[in-house]
Amino acid sequence: MRPIAPRIPQRLLDVVDRLASRRVAIAEINREVGAAAERMGLPRPSYEQVRRLVHEARAIRSGPPTTTADVALDALVGARPLTALYDQLAK
């Protein structure tokens, strides 16, 4: 019987984090994580688990989202063009 939704060990999470830094499709990352899991003698994580972890890793890398106040202040002091404020408000 195969384990259902086992916890992912830290060494496999490290693999996901390293691969998430590349700009490749999540499906490709999922294949590589699955292969790494097999080499480590671990069960393959589900695609959904890998997808969620890749999104989390990429969000952490990109930092907090830029707020409208940040863009407005930058436009006020000349660090960004005024059109950046228009673009931010259009989101």
PDB file of N, CA and C in Angstrom:
ATOM      1  N   MET A   1       0.849  -1.179   0.000  1.00  0.00           N
ATOM      2  CA  MET A   1       0.000   0.000   0.000  1.00  0.00           C
ATOM      3  C   MET A   1       0.893   1.239   0.000  1.00  0.00           C
ATOM      4  N   ARG A   2       0.582   2.188  -0.857  1.00  0.00           N
ATOM      5  CA  ARG A   2       1.365   3.426  -0.952  1.00  0.00           C
ATOM      6  C   ARG A   2       0.871   4.434   0.073  1.00  0.00           C
ATOM      7  N   PRO A   3       1.793   5.183   0.684  1.00  0.00           N
ATOM      8  CA  PRO A   3       1.365   6.217   1.631  1.00  0.00           C
ATOM      9  C   PRO A   3       0.628   7.342   0.905  1.00  0.00           C
ATOM     10  N   ILE A   4      -0.357   7.882   1.542  1.00  0.00           N
ATOM     11  CA  ILE A   4      -1.144   8.967   0.960  1.00  0.00           C
ATOM     12  C   ILE A   4      -0.693  10.282   1.576  1.00  0.00           C
ATOM     13  N   ALA A   5      -0.317  11.231   0.726  1.00  0.00           N
ATOM     14  CA  ALA A   5       0.114  12.570   1.138  1.00  0.00           C
ATOM     15  C   ALA A   5       1.130  12.527   2.277  1.00  0.00           C
ATOM     16  N   PRO A   6       2.253  11.818   2.061  1.00  0.00           N
ATOM     17  CA  PRO A   6       3.262  11.807   3.117  1.00  0.00           C
ATOM     18  C   PRO A   6       3.922  13.177   3.248  1.00  0.00           C
ATOM     19  N   ARG A   7       4.502  13.419   4.395  1.00  0.00           N
ATOM     20  CA  ARG A   7       5.236  14.671   4.584  1.00  0.00           C
ATOM     21  C   ARG A   7       6.464  14.654   3.683  1.00  0.00           C
ATOM     22  N   ILE A   8       6.805  15.810   3.177  1.00  0.00           N
ATOM     23  CA  ILE A   8       7.947  15.903   2.287  1.00  0.00           C
ATOM     24  C   ILE A   8       9.179  16.236   3.126  1.00  0.00           C
ATOM     25  N   PRO A   9      10.205  15.379   3.066  1.00  0.00           N
ATOM     26  CA  PRO A   9      11.416  15.643   3.855  1.00  0.00           C
ATOM     27  C   PRO A   9      12.122  16.922   3.401  1.00  0.00           C
ATOM     28  N   GLN A  10      12.870  17.517   4.309  1.00  0.00           N
ATOM     29  CA  GLN A  10      13.553  18.774   4.036  1.00  0.00           C
ATOM     30  C   GLN A  10      14.491  18.668   2.841  1.00  0.00           C
ATOM     31  N   ARG A  11      15.179  17.547   2.688  1.00  0.00           N
ATOM     32  CA  ARG A  11      16.121  17.430   1.569  1.00  0.00           C
ATOM     33  C   ARG A  11      15.406  17.470   0.223  1.00  0.00           C
ATOM     34  N   LEU A  12      14.164  17.002   0.166  1.00  0.00           N
ATOM     35  CA  LEU A  12      13.399  17.098  -1.072  1.00  0.00           C
ATOM     36  C   LEU A  12      12.834  18.512  -1.241  1.00  0.00           C
ATOM     37  N   LEU A  13      12.481  19.161  -0.131  1.00  0.00           N
ATOM     38  CA  LEU A  13      12.044  20.557  -0.199  1.00  0.00           C
ATOM     39  C   LEU A  13      13.168  21.448  -0.719  1.00  0.00           C
ATOM     40  N   ASP A  14      14.397  21.111  -0.341  1.00  0.00           N
ATOM     41  CA  ASP A  14      15.554  21.867  -0.840  1.00  0.00           C
ATOM     42  C   ASP A  14      15.696  21.729  -2.350  1.00  0.00           C
ATOM     43  N   VAL A  15      15.400  20.539  -2.865  1.00  0.00           N
ATOM     44  CA  VAL A  15      15.441  20.314  -4.312  1.00  0.00           C
ATOM     45  C   VAL A  15      14.384  21.177  -4.996  1.00  0.00           C
ATOM     46  N   VAL A  16      13.163  21.197  -4.447  1.00  0.00           N
ATOM     47  CA  VAL A  16      12.086  22.016  -5.015  1.00  0.00           C
ATOM     48  C   VAL A  16      12.489  23.482  -5.008  1.00  0.00           C
ATOM     49  N   ASP A  17      13.037  23.953  -3.909  1.00  0.00           N
ATOM     50  CA  ASP A  17      13.433  25.353  -3.795  1.00  0.00           C
ATOM     51  C   ASP A  17      14.502  25.704  -4.832  1.00  0.00           C
ATOM     52  N   ARG A  18      15.486  24.835  -4.986  1.00  0.00           N
ATOM     53  CA  ARG A  18      16.560  25.088  -5.960  1.00  0.00           C
ATOM     54  C   ARG A  18      15.999  25.122  -7.382  1.00  0.00           C
ATOM     55  N   LEU A  19      15.119  24.178  -7.707  1.00  0.00           N
ATOM     56  CA  LEU A  19      14.563  24.123  -9.060  1.00  0.00           C
ATOM     57  C   LEU A  19      13.582  25.267  -9.322  1.00  0.00           C
ATOM     58  N   ALA A  20      12.910  25.753  -8.283  1.00  0.00           N
ATOM     59  CA  ALA A  20      11.931  26.835  -8.451  1.00  0.00           C
ATOM     60  C   ALA A  20      12.593  28.137  -8.857  1.00  0.00           C
ATOM     61  N   SER A  21      13.894  28.245  -8.617  1.00  0.00           N
ATOM     62  CA  SER A  21      14.587  29.472  -9.003  1.00  0.00           C
ATOM     63  C   SER A  21      14.762  29.570 -10.513  1.00  0.00           C
ATOM     64  N   ARG A  22      14.616  28.459 -11.211  1.00  0.00           N
ATOM     65  CA  ARG A  22      14.708  28.467 -12.669  1.00  0.00           C
ATOM     66  C   ARG A  22      13.346  28.816 -13.253  1.00  0.00           C
ATOM     67  N   ARG A  23      13.349  29.473 -14.389  1.00  0.00           N
ATOM     68  CA  ARG A  23      12.091  29.827 -15.044  1.00  0.00           C
ATOM     69  C   ARG A  23      11.711  28.751 -16.055  1.00  0.00           C
ATOM     70  N   VAL A  24      11.317  27.606 -15.518  1.00  0.00           N
ATOM     71  CA  VAL A  24      10.833  26.508 -16.349  1.00  0.00           C
ATOM     72  C   VAL A  24       9.429  26.148 -15.884  1.00  0.00           C
ATOM     73  N   ALA A  25       8.745  25.380 -16.683  1.00  0.00           N
ATOM     74  CA  ALA A  25       7.371  24.987 -16.347  1.00  0.00           C
ATOM     75  C   ALA A  25       7.359  24.136 -15.076  1.00  0.00           C
ATOM     76  N   ILE A  26       6.286  24.253 -14.336  1.00  0.00           N
ATOM     77  CA  ILE A  26       6.143  23.476 -13.104  1.00  0.00           C
ATOM     78  C   ILE A  26       6.117  21.988 -13.418  1.00  0.00           C
ATOM     79  N   ALA A  27       5.577  21.616 -14.564  1.00  0.00           N
ATOM     80  CA  ALA A  27       5.558  20.200 -14.947  1.00  0.00           C
ATOM     81  C   ALA A  27       6.975  19.651 -15.054  1.00  0.00           C
ATOM     82  N   GLU A  28       7.886  20.440 -15.604  1.00  0.00           N
ATOM     83  CA  GLU A  28       9.294  20.013 -15.708  1.00  0.00           C
ATOM     84  C   GLU A  28       9.906  19.881 -14.320  1.00  0.00           C
ATOM     85  N   ILE A  29       9.622  20.838 -13.443  1.00  0.00           N
ATOM     86  CA  ILE A  29      10.128  20.772 -12.070  1.00  0.00           C
ATOM     87  C   ILE A  29       9.565  19.536 -11.379  1.00  0.00           C
ATOM     88  N   ASN A  30       8.291  19.252 -11.615  1.00  0.00           N
ATOM     89  CA  ASN A  30       7.655  18.079 -11.014  1.00  0.00           C
ATOM     90  C   ASN A  30       8.359  16.793 -11.447  1.00  0.00           C
ATOM     91  N   ARG A  31       8.711  16.689 -12.727  1.00  0.00           N
ATOM     92  CA  ARG A  31       9.418  15.496 -13.208  1.00  0.00           C
ATOM     93  C   ARG A  31      10.784  15.366 -12.533  1.00  0.00           C
ATOM     94  N   GLU A  32      11.497  16.475 -12.409  1.00  0.00           N
ATOM     95  CA  GLU A  32      12.824  16.431 -11.789  1.00  0.00           C
ATOM     96  C   GLU A  32      12.744  16.121 -10.294  1.00  0.00           C
ATOM     97  N   VAL A  33      11.732  16.670  -9.617  1.00  0.00           N
ATOM     98  CA  VAL A  33      11.552  16.384  -8.189  1.00  0.00           C
ATOM     99  C   VAL A  33      11.198  14.919  -7.999  1.00  0.00           C
ATOM    100  N   GLY A  34      10.348  14.388  -8.870  1.00  0.00           N
ATOM    101  CA  GLY A  34       9.988  12.969  -8.792  1.00  0.00           C
ATOM    102  C   GLY A  34      11.199  12.073  -8.977  1.00  0.00           C
ATOM    103  N   ALA A  35      12.048  12.413  -9.939  1.00  0.00           N
ATOM    104  CA  ALA A  35      13.262  11.628 -10.167  1.00  0.00           C
ATOM    105  C   ALA A  35      14.198  11.714  -8.965  1.00  0.00           C
ATOM    106  N   ALA A  36      14.320  12.912  -8.385  1.00  0.00           N
ATOM    107  CA  ALA A  36      15.165  13.083  -7.198  1.00  0.00           C
ATOM    108  C   ALA A  36      14.613  12.273  -6.025  1.00  0.00           C
ATOM    109  N   ALA A  37      13.297  12.264  -5.866  1.00  0.00           N
ATOM    110  CA  ALA A  37      12.674  11.502  -4.784  1.00  0.00           C
ATOM    111  C   ALA A  37      12.980  10.016  -4.937  1.00  0.00           C
ATOM    112  N   GLU A  38      12.890   9.520  -6.159  1.00  0.00           N
ATOM    113  CA  GLU A  38      13.187   8.103  -6.386  1.00  0.00           C
ATOM    114  C   GLU A  38      14.645   7.788  -6.084  1.00  0.00           C
ATOM    115  N   ARG A  39      15.555   8.681  -6.482  1.00  0.00           N
ATOM    116  CA  ARG A  39      16.975   8.458  -6.188  1.00  0.00           C
ATOM    117  C   ARG A  39      17.229   8.434  -4.685  1.00  0.00           C
ATOM    118  N   MET A  40      16.441   9.228  -3.931  1.00  0.00           N
ATOM    119  CA  MET A  40      16.601   9.287  -2.480  1.00  0.00           C
ATOM    120  C   MET A  40      15.836   8.170  -1.768  1.00  0.00           C
ATOM    121  N   GLY A  41      15.090   7.388  -2.540  1.00  0.00           N
ATOM    122  CA  GLY A  41      14.299   6.315  -1.936  1.00  0.00           C
ATOM    123  C   GLY A  41      13.044   6.817  -1.247  1.00  0.00           C
ATOM    124  N   LEU A  42      12.546   7.964  -1.688  1.00  0.00           N
ATOM    125  CA  LEU A  42      11.352   8.570  -1.093  1.00  0.00           C
ATOM    126  C   LEU A  42      10.173   8.447  -2.050  1.00  0.00           C
ATOM    127  N   PRO A  43       8.953   8.491  -1.520  1.00  0.00           N
ATOM    128  CA  PRO A  43       7.797   8.499  -2.426  1.00  0.00           C
ATOM    129  C   PRO A  43       7.742   9.813  -3.206  1.00  0.00           C
ATOM    130  N   ARG A  44       7.274   9.734  -4.435  1.00  0.00           N
ATOM    131  CA  ARG A  44       7.136  10.935  -5.261  1.00  0.00           C
ATOM    132  C   ARG A  44       6.036  11.821  -4.686  1.00  0.00           C
ATOM    133  N   PRO A  45       6.288  13.109  -4.534  1.00  0.00           N
ATOM    134  CA  PRO A  45       5.193  14.004  -4.114  1.00  0.00           C
ATOM    135  C   PRO A  45       4.227  14.190  -5.283  1.00  0.00           C
ATOM    136  N   SER A  46       3.006  14.525  -4.975  1.00  0.00           N
ATOM    137  CA  SER A  46       2.013  14.734  -6.032  1.00  0.00           C
ATOM    138  C   SER A  46       2.327  16.011  -6.805  1.00  0.00           C
ATOM    139  N   TYR A  47       1.782  16.081  -8.002  1.00  0.00           N
ATOM    140  CA  TYR A  47       1.960  17.285  -8.816  1.00  0.00           C
ATOM    141  C   TYR A  47       1.434  18.501  -8.049  1.00  0.00           C
ATOM    142  N   GLU A  48       0.292  18.347  -7.402  1.00  0.00           N
ATOM    143  CA  GLU A  48      -0.317  19.465  -6.669  1.00  0.00           C
ATOM    144  C   GLU A  48       0.593  19.948  -5.544  1.00  0.00           C
ATOM    145  N   GLN A  49       1.234  19.022  -4.829  1.00  0.00           N
ATOM    146  CA  GLN A  49       2.166  19.424  -3.768  1.00  0.00           C
ATOM    147  C   GLN A  49       3.340  20.199  -4.345  1.00  0.00           C
ATOM    148  N   VAL A  50       3.900  19.691  -5.433  1.00  0.00           N
ATOM    149  CA  VAL A  50       5.042  20.360  -6.058  1.00  0.00           C
ATOM    150  C   VAL A  50       4.625  21.729  -6.578  1.00  0.00           C
ATOM    151  N   ARG A  51       3.473  21.814  -7.218  1.00  0.00           N
ATOM    152  CA  ARG A  51       2.981  23.084  -7.757  1.00  0.00           C
ATOM    153  C   ARG A  51       2.848  24.127  -6.647  1.00  0.00           C
ATOM    154  N   ARG A  52       2.247  23.726  -5.542  1.00  0.00           N
ATOM    155  CA  ARG A  52       2.064  24.643  -4.410  1.00  0.00           C
ATOM    156  C   ARG A  52       3.412  25.099  -3.852  1.00  0.00           C
ATOM    157  N   LEU A  53       4.338  24.169  -3.705  1.00  0.00           N
ATOM    158  CA  LEU A  53       5.660  24.507  -3.166  1.00  0.00           C
ATOM    159  C   LEU A  53       6.444  25.421  -4.102  1.00  0.00           C
ATOM    160  N   VAL A  54       6.332  25.193  -5.417  1.00  0.00           N
ATOM    161  CA  VAL A  54       7.023  26.057  -6.381  1.00  0.00           C
ATOM    162  C   VAL A  54       6.461  27.469  -6.316  1.00  0.00           C
ATOM    163  N   HIS A  55       5.132  27.591  -6.250  1.00  0.00           N
ATOM    164  CA  HIS A  55       4.524  28.925  -6.146  1.00  0.00           C
ATOM    165  C   HIS A  55       4.974  29.633  -4.867  1.00  0.00           C
ATOM    166  N   GLU A  56       5.035  28.898  -3.764  1.00  0.00           N
ATOM    167  CA  GLU A  56       5.486  29.500  -2.499  1.00  0.00           C
ATOM    168  C   GLU A  56       6.942  29.951  -2.600  1.00  0.00           C
ATOM    169  N   ALA A  57       7.790  29.102  -3.142  1.00  0.00           N
ATOM    170  CA  ALA A  57       9.212  29.440  -3.262  1.00  0.00           C
ATOM    171  C   ALA A  57       9.416  30.657  -4.161  1.00  0.00           C
ATOM    172  N   ARG A  58       8.681  30.708  -5.254  1.00  0.00           N
ATOM    173  CA  ARG A  58       8.822  31.845  -6.168  1.00  0.00           C
ATOM    174  C   ARG A  58       8.280  33.125  -5.546  1.00  0.00           C
ATOM    175  N   ALA A  59       7.214  33.025  -4.762  1.00  0.00           N
ATOM    176  CA  ALA A  59       6.657  34.212  -4.097  1.00  0.00           C
ATOM    177  C   ALA A  59       7.640  34.760  -3.065  1.00  0.00           C
ATOM    178  N   ILE A  60       8.296  33.865  -2.344  1.00  0.00           N
ATOM    179  CA  ILE A  60       9.275  34.297  -1.347  1.00  0.00           C
ATOM    180  C   ILE A  60      10.442  34.993  -2.025  1.00  0.00           C
ATOM    181  N   ARG A  61      10.881  34.446  -3.156  1.00  0.00           N
ATOM    182  CA  ARG A  61      12.011  35.036  -3.884  1.00  0.00           C
ATOM    183  C   ARG A  61      11.683  36.419  -4.432  1.00  0.00           C
ATOM    184  N   SER A  62      10.445  36.601  -4.877  1.00  0.00           N
ATOM    185  CA  SER A  62      10.093  37.876  -5.509  1.00  0.00           C
ATOM    186  C   SER A  62       9.878  38.993  -4.497  1.00  0.00           C
ATOM    187  N   GLY A  63       9.724  38.646  -3.233  1.00  0.00           N
ATOM    188  CA  GLY A  63       9.556  39.660  -2.196  1.00  0.00           C
ATOM    189  C   GLY A  63       8.113  40.126  -2.104  1.00  0.00           C
ATOM    190  N   PRO A  64       7.869  41.068  -1.225  1.00  0.00           N
ATOM    191  CA  PRO A  64       6.502  41.548  -1.039  1.00  0.00           C
ATOM    192  C   PRO A  64       6.026  42.318  -2.272  1.00  0.00           C
ATOM    193  N   PRO A  65       4.719  42.292  -2.533  1.00  0.00           N
ATOM    194  CA  PRO A  65       4.205  43.020  -3.691  1.00  0.00           C
ATOM    195  C   PRO A  65       4.384  44.532  -3.515  1.00  0.00           C
ATOM    196  N   THR A  66       4.543  45.226  -4.619  1.00  0.00           N
ATOM    197  CA  THR A  66       4.690  46.676  -4.594  1.00  0.00           C
ATOM    198  C   THR A  66       3.322  47.311  -4.364  1.00  0.00           C
ATOM    199  N   THR A  67       3.238  48.197  -3.403  1.00  0.00           N
ATOM    200  CA  THR A  67       1.966  48.854  -3.111  1.00  0.00           C
ATOM    201  C   THR A  67       1.838  50.122  -3.951  1.00  0.00           C
ATOM    202  N   THR A  68       0.610  50.603  -4.056  1.00  0.00           N
ATOM    203  CA  THR A  68       0.350  51.851  -4.775  1.00  0.00           C
ATOM    204  C   THR A  68       1.050  53.015  -4.085  1.00  0.00           C
ATOM    205  N   ALA A  69       1.091  52.972  -2.762  1.00  0.00           N
ATOM    206  CA  ALA A  69       1.772  54.044  -2.015  1.00  0.00           C
ATOM    207  C   ALA A  69       3.270  54.074  -2.341  1.00  0.00           C
ATOM    208  N   ASP A  70       3.881  52.888  -2.474  1.00  0.00           N
ATOM    209  CA  ASP A  70       5.298  52.832  -2.838  1.00  0.00           C
ATOM    210  C   ASP A  70       5.541  53.458  -4.206  1.00  0.00           C
ATOM    211  N   VAL A  71       4.695  53.106  -5.165  1.00  0.00           N
ATOM    212  CA  VAL A  71       4.849  53.627  -6.521  1.00  0.00           C
ATOM    213  C   VAL A  71       4.604  55.132  -6.542  1.00  0.00           C
ATOM    214  N   ALA A  72       3.583  55.595  -5.799  1.00  0.00           N
ATOM    215  CA  ALA A  72       3.277  57.033  -5.760  1.00  0.00           C
ATOM    216  C   ALA A  72       4.442  57.819  -5.163  1.00  0.00           C
ATOM    217  N   LEU A  73       5.027  57.307  -4.082  1.00  0.00           N
ATOM    218  CA  LEU A  73       6.165  57.981  -3.464  1.00  0.00           C
ATOM    219  C   LEU A  73       7.358  58.015  -4.422  1.00  0.00           C
ATOM    220  N   ASP A  74       7.611  56.890  -5.087  1.00  0.00           N
ATOM    221  CA  ASP A  74       8.717  56.850  -6.054  1.00  0.00           C
ATOM    222  C   ASP A  74       8.488  57.839  -7.195  1.00  0.00           C
ATOM    223  N   ALA A  75       7.244  57.940  -7.657  1.00  0.00           N
ATOM    224  CA  ALA A  75       6.932  58.888  -8.734  1.00  0.00           C
ATOM    225  C   ALA A  75       7.094  60.323  -8.245  1.00  0.00           C
ATOM    226  N   LEU A  76       6.722  60.569  -6.996  1.00  0.00           N
ATOM    227  CA  LEU A  76       6.829  61.912  -6.421  1.00  0.00           C
ATOM    228  C   LEU A  76       8.286  62.381  -6.333  1.00  0.00           C
ATOM    229  N   VAL A  77       9.177  61.471  -5.949  1.00  0.00           N
ATOM    230  CA  VAL A  77      10.591  61.852  -5.807  1.00  0.00           C
ATOM    231  C   VAL A  77      11.389  61.638  -7.093  1.00  0.00           C
ATOM    232  N   GLY A  78      10.732  61.153  -8.130  1.00  0.00           N
ATOM    233  CA  GLY A  78      11.390  60.994  -9.420  1.00  0.00           C
ATOM    234  C   GLY A  78      12.122  59.684  -9.613  1.00  0.00           C
ATOM    235  N   ALA A  79      11.924  58.723  -8.706  1.00  0.00           N
ATOM    236  CA  ALA A  79      12.588  57.428  -8.836  1.00  0.00           C
ATOM    237  C   ALA A  79      11.916  56.547  -9.895  1.00  0.00           C
ATOM    238  N   ARG A  80      10.651  56.850 -10.180  1.00  0.00           N
ATOM    239  CA  ARG A  80       9.902  56.135 -11.218  1.00  0.00           C
ATOM    240  C   ARG A  80       9.181  57.175 -12.064  1.00  0.00           C
ATOM    241  N   PRO A  81       8.897  56.826 -13.308  1.00  0.00           N
ATOM    242  CA  PRO A  81       8.114  57.763 -14.117  1.00  0.00           C
ATOM    243  C   PRO A  81       6.669  57.799 -13.621  1.00  0.00           C
ATOM    244  N   LEU A  82       5.979  58.869 -13.892  1.00  0.00           N
ATOM    245  CA  LEU A  82       4.586  59.011 -13.478  1.00  0.00           C
ATOM    246  C   LEU A  82       3.701  57.931 -14.102  1.00  0.00           C
ATOM    247  N   THR A  83       4.091  57.457 -15.266  1.00  0.00           N
ATOM    248  CA  THR A  83       3.299  56.399 -15.917  1.00  0.00           C
ATOM    249  C   THR A  83       3.287  55.116 -15.083  1.00  0.00           C
ATOM    250  N   ALA A  84       4.299  54.905 -14.253  1.00  0.00           N
ATOM    251  CA  ALA A  84       4.316  53.725 -13.384  1.00  0.00           C
ATOM    252  C   ALA A  84       3.149  53.779 -12.408  1.00  0.00           C
ATOM    253  N   LEU A  85       2.809  54.975 -11.956  1.00  0.00           N
ATOM    254  CA  LEU A  85       1.660  55.133 -11.061  1.00  0.00           C
ATOM    255  C   LEU A  85       0.365  54.809 -11.786  1.00  0.00           C
ATOM    256  N   TYR A  86       0.248  55.272 -13.015  1.00  0.00           N
ATOM    257  CA  TYR A  86      -0.936  54.952 -13.816  1.00  0.00           C
ATOM    258  C   TYR A  86      -1.051  53.441 -14.021  1.00  0.00           C
ATOM    259  N   ASP A  87       0.083  52.801 -14.310  1.00  0.00           N
ATOM    260  CA  ASP A  87       0.068  51.346 -14.502  1.00  0.00           C
ATOM    261  C   ASP A  87      -0.338  50.619 -13.225  1.00  0.00           C
ATOM    262  N   GLN A  88       0.166  51.087 -12.085  1.00  0.00           N
ATOM    263  CA  GLN A  88      -0.171  50.461 -10.805  1.00  0.00           C
ATOM    264  C   GLN A  88      -1.662  50.606 -10.497  1.00  0.00           C
ATOM    265  N   LEU A  89      -2.219  51.780 -10.787  1.00  0.00           N
ATOM    266  CA  LEU A  89      -3.640  52.015 -10.530  1.00  0.00           C
ATOM    267  C   LEU A  89      -4.530  51.217 -11.469  1.00  0.00           C
ATOM    268  N   ALA A  90      -4.021  50.891 -12.632  1.00  0.00           N
ATOM    269  CA  ALA A  90      -4.800  50.118 -13.620  1.00  0.00           C
ATOM    270  C   ALA A  90      -4.905  48.649 -13.247  1.00  0.00           C
ATOM    271  N   LYS A  91      -4.075  48.188 -12.309  1.00  0.00           N
ATOM    272  CA  LYS A  91      -4.086  46.766 -11.929  1.00  0.00           C
ATOM    273  C   LYS A  91      -5.334  46.394 -11.209  1.00  0.00           C
TER     274      LYS A  91
END
